[in-house]
């Protein structure tokens, strides 16, 4: 029972996307709340919230992929 290296690489790539979403979502949300009087406030806010939810989802998915790679899938 060894580590599945292809799944581990896939999990680490997913962690990279997670980190990108985790750092960009707060920046976008900050920009949205800083410009509440502009006409693009609502679309930017919605995009930031979707990105924040995506970061949470990707975080759980990345951990699951890495755990499956190290310990094997449930049968």
N, C-alpha and C. Protein backbone atom coordinates (compact mmCIF):
# COMPACT_ATOMS: atom_id res chain seq x y z
N UNK A 1 0.85 -1.18 0.00
CA UNK A 1 0.00 0.00 0.00
C UNK A 1 0.89 1.24 0.00
N UNK A 2 1.18 1.74 -1.19
CA UNK A 2 2.02 2.92 -1.31
C UNK A 2 1.22 4.13 -1.70
N UNK A 3 1.93 5.20 -1.84
CA UNK A 3 1.29 6.46 -2.21
C UNK A 3 1.08 6.51 -3.72
N UNK A 4 -0.12 6.86 -4.13
CA UNK A 4 -0.43 7.03 -5.55
C UNK A 4 0.10 8.41 -5.97
N UNK A 5 1.21 8.39 -6.68
CA UNK A 5 1.89 9.65 -7.00
C UNK A 5 1.10 10.53 -7.96
N UNK A 6 0.36 9.94 -8.88
CA UNK A 6 -0.41 10.77 -9.81
C UNK A 6 -1.55 11.48 -9.07
N UNK A 7 -2.19 10.79 -8.15
CA UNK A 7 -3.25 11.45 -7.37
C UNK A 7 -2.67 12.50 -6.43
N UNK A 8 -1.47 12.23 -5.90
CA UNK A 8 -0.83 13.21 -5.02
C UNK A 8 -0.49 14.48 -5.79
N UNK A 9 0.00 14.35 -7.01
CA UNK A 9 0.30 15.52 -7.84
C UNK A 9 -1.00 16.27 -8.16
N UNK A 10 -2.06 15.52 -8.45
CA UNK A 10 -3.35 16.15 -8.72
C UNK A 10 -3.84 16.91 -7.49
N UNK A 11 -3.65 16.34 -6.30
CA UNK A 11 -4.05 17.02 -5.07
C UNK A 11 -3.23 18.27 -4.80
N UNK A 12 -1.94 18.22 -5.09
CA UNK A 12 -1.09 19.39 -4.88
C UNK A 12 -1.42 20.50 -5.88
N UNK A 13 -1.76 20.13 -7.11
CA UNK A 13 -2.22 21.14 -8.07
C UNK A 13 -3.51 21.78 -7.59
N UNK A 14 -4.38 20.96 -7.04
CA UNK A 14 -5.64 21.47 -6.52
C UNK A 14 -5.39 22.41 -5.34
N UNK A 15 -4.39 22.10 -4.52
CA UNK A 15 -4.02 23.02 -3.43
C UNK A 15 -3.53 24.36 -3.98
N UNK A 16 -2.84 24.33 -5.12
CA UNK A 16 -2.40 25.57 -5.75
C UNK A 16 -3.58 26.43 -6.18
N UNK A 17 -4.59 25.79 -6.80
CA UNK A 17 -5.80 26.53 -7.18
C UNK A 17 -6.54 27.04 -5.94
N UNK A 18 -6.52 26.24 -4.89
CA UNK A 18 -7.17 26.65 -3.64
C UNK A 18 -6.48 27.89 -3.07
N UNK A 19 -5.17 27.89 -3.06
CA UNK A 19 -4.43 29.04 -2.54
C UNK A 19 -4.70 30.28 -3.38
N UNK A 20 -4.77 30.11 -4.68
CA UNK A 20 -5.08 31.24 -5.56
C UNK A 20 -6.46 31.81 -5.25
N UNK A 21 -7.44 30.95 -5.07
CA UNK A 21 -8.80 31.41 -4.75
C UNK A 21 -8.86 32.01 -3.35
N UNK A 22 -8.11 31.44 -2.41
CA UNK A 22 -8.12 31.94 -1.04
C UNK A 22 -7.53 33.33 -0.93
N UNK A 23 -6.57 33.66 -1.76
CA UNK A 23 -5.96 34.98 -1.69
C UNK A 23 -6.68 36.01 -2.56
N UNK A 24 -7.28 35.56 -3.67
CA UNK A 24 -7.93 36.52 -4.55
C UNK A 24 -9.35 36.88 -4.08
N UNK A 25 -10.05 35.96 -3.43
CA UNK A 25 -11.43 36.25 -2.98
C UNK A 25 -11.48 37.40 -1.98
N UNK A 26 -10.64 37.43 -0.94
CA UNK A 26 -10.70 38.58 -0.03
C UNK A 26 -10.33 39.90 -0.68
N UNK A 27 -9.42 39.88 -1.64
CA UNK A 27 -9.04 41.10 -2.34
C UNK A 27 -10.22 41.63 -3.15
N UNK A 28 -10.90 40.74 -3.84
CA UNK A 28 -12.05 41.15 -4.64
C UNK A 28 -13.18 41.64 -3.75
N UNK A 29 -13.43 40.95 -2.64
CA UNK A 29 -14.47 41.39 -1.71
C UNK A 29 -14.12 42.75 -1.10
N UNK A 30 -12.86 42.96 -0.79
CA UNK A 30 -12.44 44.25 -0.25
C UNK A 30 -12.67 45.37 -1.26
N UNK A 31 -12.34 45.09 -2.52
CA UNK A 31 -12.55 46.10 -3.56
C UNK A 31 -14.04 46.39 -3.74
N UNK A 32 -14.86 45.36 -3.61
CA UNK A 32 -16.30 45.57 -3.75
C UNK A 32 -16.83 46.44 -2.62
N UNK A 33 -16.45 46.16 -1.38
CA UNK A 33 -16.95 46.93 -0.26
C UNK A 33 -16.35 48.34 -0.19
N UNK A 34 -15.20 48.51 -0.82
CA UNK A 34 -14.58 49.83 -0.85
C UNK A 34 -15.30 50.74 -1.84
N UNK A 35 -15.93 50.17 -2.84
CA UNK A 35 -16.57 50.94 -3.90
C UNK A 35 -18.08 50.69 -3.92
N UNK A 36 -18.74 50.91 -2.79
CA UNK A 36 -20.18 50.60 -2.71
C UNK A 36 -21.03 51.55 -3.55
N UNK A 37 -20.54 52.71 -3.87
CA UNK A 37 -21.33 53.67 -4.63
C UNK A 37 -21.18 53.52 -6.15
N UNK A 38 -20.34 52.61 -6.60
CA UNK A 38 -20.11 52.41 -8.04
C UNK A 38 -21.18 51.48 -8.62
N UNK A 39 -21.41 51.55 -9.93
CA UNK A 39 -22.45 50.70 -10.53
C UNK A 39 -22.09 49.21 -10.59
N UNK A 40 -20.81 48.87 -10.53
CA UNK A 40 -20.41 47.46 -10.59
C UNK A 40 -20.25 46.83 -9.21
N UNK A 41 -20.80 47.46 -8.18
CA UNK A 41 -20.67 46.94 -6.82
C UNK A 41 -21.27 45.54 -6.70
N UNK A 42 -22.50 45.36 -7.16
CA UNK A 42 -23.20 44.08 -7.00
C UNK A 42 -22.52 42.96 -7.79
N UNK A 43 -22.16 43.14 -9.07
CA UNK A 43 -21.48 42.05 -9.78
C UNK A 43 -20.13 41.67 -9.17
N UNK A 44 -19.37 42.65 -8.73
CA UNK A 44 -18.07 42.36 -8.13
C UNK A 44 -18.26 41.65 -6.79
N UNK A 45 -19.26 42.06 -6.03
CA UNK A 45 -19.56 41.40 -4.76
C UNK A 45 -19.98 39.96 -4.99
N UNK A 46 -20.83 39.72 -5.95
CA UNK A 46 -21.27 38.36 -6.25
C UNK A 46 -20.10 37.50 -6.72
N UNK A 47 -19.25 38.07 -7.56
CA UNK A 47 -18.07 37.32 -8.02
C UNK A 47 -17.14 36.98 -6.86
N UNK A 48 -16.95 37.91 -5.94
CA UNK A 48 -16.10 37.65 -4.77
C UNK A 48 -16.69 36.58 -3.87
N UNK A 49 -18.00 36.60 -3.68
CA UNK A 49 -18.64 35.57 -2.85
C UNK A 49 -18.57 34.20 -3.49
N UNK A 50 -18.76 34.15 -4.80
CA UNK A 50 -18.62 32.86 -5.51
C UNK A 50 -17.20 32.35 -5.40
N UNK A 51 -16.24 33.23 -5.52
CA UNK A 51 -14.83 32.83 -5.41
C UNK A 51 -14.50 32.35 -4.00
N UNK A 52 -15.10 32.98 -2.98
CA UNK A 52 -14.87 32.54 -1.61
C UNK A 52 -15.47 31.15 -1.37
N UNK A 53 -16.67 30.94 -1.89
CA UNK A 53 -17.28 29.60 -1.77
C UNK A 53 -16.48 28.56 -2.53
N UNK A 54 -15.96 28.94 -3.69
CA UNK A 54 -15.12 28.03 -4.47
C UNK A 54 -13.84 27.68 -3.71
N UNK A 55 -13.27 28.63 -3.00
CA UNK A 55 -12.06 28.37 -2.22
C UNK A 55 -12.34 27.36 -1.12
N UNK A 56 -13.48 27.48 -0.47
CA UNK A 56 -13.83 26.52 0.59
C UNK A 56 -14.03 25.13 0.00
N UNK A 57 -14.77 25.06 -1.11
CA UNK A 57 -15.00 23.77 -1.76
C UNK A 57 -13.68 23.13 -2.21
N UNK A 58 -12.82 23.93 -2.85
CA UNK A 58 -11.55 23.40 -3.34
C UNK A 58 -10.66 22.95 -2.19
N UNK A 59 -10.74 23.63 -1.05
CA UNK A 59 -9.95 23.22 0.11
C UNK A 59 -10.33 21.82 0.58
N UNK A 60 -11.62 21.57 0.74
CA UNK A 60 -12.06 20.25 1.17
C UNK A 60 -11.74 19.19 0.11
N UNK A 61 -11.94 19.54 -1.15
CA UNK A 61 -11.67 18.60 -2.23
C UNK A 61 -10.18 18.25 -2.30
N UNK A 62 -9.32 19.25 -2.11
CA UNK A 62 -7.88 19.02 -2.16
C UNK A 62 -7.43 18.10 -1.04
N UNK A 63 -7.95 18.34 0.15
CA UNK A 63 -7.58 17.48 1.28
C UNK A 63 -8.04 16.05 1.02
N UNK A 64 -9.24 15.88 0.47
CA UNK A 64 -9.75 14.54 0.19
C UNK A 64 -8.88 13.83 -0.84
N UNK A 65 -8.46 14.54 -1.88
CA UNK A 65 -7.63 13.93 -2.91
C UNK A 65 -6.29 13.48 -2.33
N UNK A 66 -5.67 14.33 -1.50
CA UNK A 66 -4.38 13.98 -0.92
C UNK A 66 -4.52 12.82 0.06
N UNK A 67 -5.57 12.80 0.86
CA UNK A 67 -5.78 11.70 1.80
C UNK A 67 -6.02 10.40 1.04
N UNK A 68 -6.80 10.45 -0.03
CA UNK A 68 -7.01 9.25 -0.85
C UNK A 68 -5.71 8.79 -1.50
N UNK A 69 -4.86 9.72 -1.88
CA UNK A 69 -3.59 9.35 -2.50
C UNK A 69 -2.65 8.68 -1.50
N UNK A 70 -2.65 9.16 -0.27
CA UNK A 70 -1.72 8.62 0.73
C UNK A 70 -2.24 7.33 1.35
N UNK A 71 -3.51 7.31 1.71
CA UNK A 71 -4.04 6.16 2.43
C UNK A 71 -4.83 5.19 1.56
N UNK A 72 -5.12 5.52 0.33
CA UNK A 72 -5.90 4.67 -0.54
C UNK A 72 -7.37 4.98 -0.45
N UNK A 73 -8.09 4.65 -1.51
CA UNK A 73 -9.53 4.92 -1.53
C UNK A 73 -10.27 3.89 -0.70
N UNK A 74 -11.43 4.31 -0.18
CA UNK A 74 -12.30 3.37 0.52
C UNK A 74 -12.90 2.40 -0.48
N UNK A 75 -13.06 1.20 -0.04
CA UNK A 75 -13.64 0.18 -0.94
C UNK A 75 -15.03 -0.17 -0.51
